[in-house]
Amino acid sequence: MTDKDVETSDKQEYGADAPWWADLGPRGAVVLIALGGLVAAWAVAAPSLGLGSLPFIPDNLATALYQAGTVVAIGVVILVSALLNRRREGKEQVRD
């Protein structure tokens, strides 16, 4: 079987099982990275400044940083995936 015999498609159809980050794109990824960074900064700085806690952020610093890091990691994965996809599409256009 040669490469020409195989048909590829970049479309991903999730249906009802789609994760919440499936269609964010690069802009949404940057927002997730910034949001995670802000939450981490708030979790570290708020107690020392005597400010209140944000909703949905635990009082335990390690847990708050873990959750913020998870949001940042998801954003980084989405951003890198989108950039690699654009790069691959650019190479395919040059070949044609």
C-alpha atoms as a PDB file:
ATOM      1  CA  MET A   1       0.000   0.000   0.000  1.00  0.00           C
ATOM      2  CA  THR A   2       1.501   3.324  -1.013  1.00  0.00           C
ATOM      3  CA  ASP A   3       0.922   6.727   0.528  1.00  0.00           C
ATOM      4  CA  LYS A   4      -1.352   7.651  -2.343  1.00  0.00           C
ATOM      5  CA  ASP A   5      -3.686   4.776  -1.520  1.00  0.00           C
ATOM      6  CA  VAL A   6      -4.343   6.099   1.972  1.00  0.00           C
ATOM      7  CA  GLU A   7      -6.773   8.944   2.360  1.00  0.00           C
ATOM      8  CA  THR A   8      -6.241  11.178   5.381  1.00  0.00           C
ATOM      9  CA  SER A   9      -8.568  13.622   6.987  1.00  0.00           C
ATOM     10  CA  ASP A  10      -7.746  16.210   9.640  1.00  0.00           C
ATOM     11  CA  LYS A  11     -11.355  16.626  10.700  1.00  0.00           C
ATOM     12  CA  GLN A  12     -12.117  15.462  14.197  1.00  0.00           C
ATOM     13  CA  GLU A  13     -15.727  14.847  15.001  1.00  0.00           C
ATOM     14  CA  TYR A  14     -16.287  14.492  18.719  1.00  0.00           C
ATOM     15  CA  GLY A  15     -20.053  14.466  18.790  1.00  0.00           C
ATOM     16  CA  ALA A  16     -21.597  14.694  22.246  1.00  0.00           C
ATOM     17  CA  ASP A  17     -18.424  13.361  23.919  1.00  0.00           C
ATOM     18  CA  ALA A  18     -16.369  16.483  23.135  1.00  0.00           C
ATOM     19  CA  PRO A  19     -14.066  17.725  25.880  1.00  0.00           C
ATOM     20  CA  TRP A  20     -14.599  21.330  26.882  1.00  0.00           C
ATOM     21  CA  TRP A  21     -11.324  22.446  25.307  1.00  0.00           C
ATOM     22  CA  ALA A  22     -11.847  20.743  21.928  1.00  0.00           C
ATOM     23  CA  ASP A  23     -12.715  23.857  19.909  1.00  0.00           C
ATOM     24  CA  LEU A  24     -10.856  26.649  21.707  1.00  0.00           C
ATOM     25  CA  GLY A  25      -8.189  27.343  19.094  1.00  0.00           C
ATOM     26  CA  PRO A  26      -5.052  29.438  19.573  1.00  0.00           C
ATOM     27  CA  ARG A  27      -6.796  32.450  21.095  1.00  0.00           C
ATOM     28  CA  GLY A  28      -8.576  30.307  23.636  1.00  0.00           C
ATOM     29  CA  ALA A  29      -5.284  28.599  24.447  1.00  0.00           C
ATOM     30  CA  VAL A  30      -3.616  31.946  25.151  1.00  0.00           C
ATOM     31  CA  VAL A  31      -6.550  32.895  27.378  1.00  0.00           C
ATOM     32  CA  LEU A  32      -6.185  29.618  29.308  1.00  0.00           C
ATOM     33  CA  ILE A  33      -2.459  30.195  29.782  1.00  0.00           C
ATOM     34  CA  ALA A  34      -3.032  33.749  31.012  1.00  0.00           C
ATOM     35  CA  LEU A  35      -5.909  32.698  33.271  1.00  0.00           C
ATOM     36  CA  GLY A  36      -3.849  29.907  34.823  1.00  0.00           C
ATOM     37  CA  GLY A  37      -0.962  32.292  35.412  1.00  0.00           C
ATOM     38  CA  LEU A  38      -3.236  34.868  37.032  1.00  0.00           C
ATOM     39  CA  VAL A  39      -4.837  32.266  39.289  1.00  0.00           C
ATOM     40  CA  ALA A  40      -1.404  31.004  40.363  1.00  0.00           C
ATOM     41  CA  ALA A  41      -0.225  34.549  41.071  1.00  0.00           C
ATOM     42  CA  TRP A  42      -3.403  35.288  43.029  1.00  0.00           C
ATOM     43  CA  ALA A  43      -3.082  32.084  45.052  1.00  0.00           C
ATOM     44  CA  VAL A  44       0.458  33.037  46.051  1.00  0.00           C
ATOM     45  CA  ALA A  45      -0.003  36.783  46.566  1.00  0.00           C
ATOM     46  CA  ALA A  46      -3.494  37.028  48.074  1.00  0.00           C
ATOM     47  CA  PRO A  47      -2.744  35.508  51.503  1.00  0.00           C
ATOM     48  CA  SER A  48       0.350  37.636  52.024  1.00  0.00           C
ATOM     49  CA  LEU A  49      -1.519  40.799  51.032  1.00  0.00           C
ATOM     50  CA  GLY A  50      -4.512  39.982  53.202  1.00  0.00           C
ATOM     51  CA  LEU A  51      -6.860  39.717  50.216  1.00  0.00           C
ATOM     52  CA  GLY A  52      -9.715  37.265  50.068  1.00  0.00           C
ATOM     53  CA  SER A  53      -9.674  34.058  48.132  1.00  0.00           C
ATOM     54  CA  LEU A  54     -11.180  33.742  44.671  1.00  0.00           C
ATOM     55  CA  PRO A  55     -14.195  31.467  44.252  1.00  0.00           C
ATOM     56  CA  PHE A  56     -13.387  27.867  43.279  1.00  0.00           C
ATOM     57  CA  ILE A  57      -9.771  28.241  44.429  1.00  0.00           C
ATOM     58  CA  PRO A  58      -8.917  26.117  47.458  1.00  0.00           C
ATOM     59  CA  ASP A  59      -7.206  27.613  50.494  1.00  0.00           C
ATOM     60  CA  ASN A  60      -4.425  25.041  50.263  1.00  0.00           C
ATOM     61  CA  LEU A  61      -1.643  26.640  48.196  1.00  0.00           C
ATOM     62  CA  ALA A  62      -0.374  23.388  46.692  1.00  0.00           C
ATOM     63  CA  THR A  63      -3.816  22.416  45.441  1.00  0.00           C
ATOM     64  CA  ALA A  64      -4.432  25.872  43.990  1.00  0.00           C
ATOM     65  CA  LEU A  65      -1.094  25.835  42.151  1.00  0.00           C
ATOM     66  CA  TYR A  66      -1.783  22.323  40.866  1.00  0.00           C
ATOM     67  CA  GLN A  67      -5.143  23.398  39.449  1.00  0.00           C
ATOM     68  CA  ALA A  68      -3.651  26.531  37.880  1.00  0.00           C
ATOM     69  CA  GLY A  69      -0.821  24.474  36.406  1.00  0.00           C
ATOM     70  CA  THR A  70      -3.316  22.067  34.889  1.00  0.00           C
ATOM     71  CA  VAL A  71      -5.135  24.929  33.157  1.00  0.00           C
ATOM     72  CA  VAL A  72      -1.825  26.317  31.859  1.00  0.00           C
ATOM     73  CA  ALA A  73      -0.753  22.869  30.619  1.00  0.00           C
ATOM     74  CA  ILE A  74      -4.006  22.386  28.706  1.00  0.00           C
ATOM     75  CA  GLY A  75      -3.546  25.817  27.150  1.00  0.00           C
ATOM     76  CA  VAL A  76       0.040  25.042  26.117  1.00  0.00           C
ATOM     77  CA  VAL A  77      -0.966  21.734  24.529  1.00  0.00           C
ATOM     78  CA  ILE A  78      -3.779  23.389  22.556  1.00  0.00           C
ATOM     79  CA  LEU A  79      -1.531  26.248  21.441  1.00  0.00           C
ATOM     80  CA  VAL A  80       1.328  23.997  20.303  1.00  0.00           C
ATOM     81  CA  SER A  81      -1.113  21.677  18.525  1.00  0.00           C
ATOM     82  CA  ALA A  82      -2.678  24.593  16.653  1.00  0.00           C
ATOM     83  CA  LEU A  83       0.720  25.994  15.664  1.00  0.00           C
ATOM     84  CA  LEU A  84       1.974  22.611  14.453  1.00  0.00           C
ATOM     85  CA  ASN A  85      -1.233  22.137  12.472  1.00  0.00           C
ATOM     86  CA  ARG A  86      -0.747  25.513  10.772  1.00  0.00           C
ATOM     87  CA  ARG A  87       2.852  24.631   9.977  1.00  0.00           C
ATOM     88  CA  ARG A  88       1.821  21.307   8.468  1.00  0.00           C
ATOM     89  CA  GLU A  89      -0.902  22.964   6.376  1.00  0.00           C
ATOM     90  CA  GLY A  90       1.657  25.487   5.114  1.00  0.00           C
ATOM     91  CA  LYS A  91       4.006  22.711   4.001  1.00  0.00           C
ATOM     92  CA  GLU A  92       1.168  20.906   2.191  1.00  0.00           C
ATOM     93  CA  GLN A  93       0.311  24.088   0.265  1.00  0.00           C
ATOM     94  CA  VAL A  94       3.932  24.505  -0.811  1.00  0.00           C
ATOM     95  CA  ARG A  95       3.996  20.930  -2.164  1.00  0.00           C
ATOM     96  CA  ASP A  96       0.891  21.498  -4.277  1.00  0.00           C
END
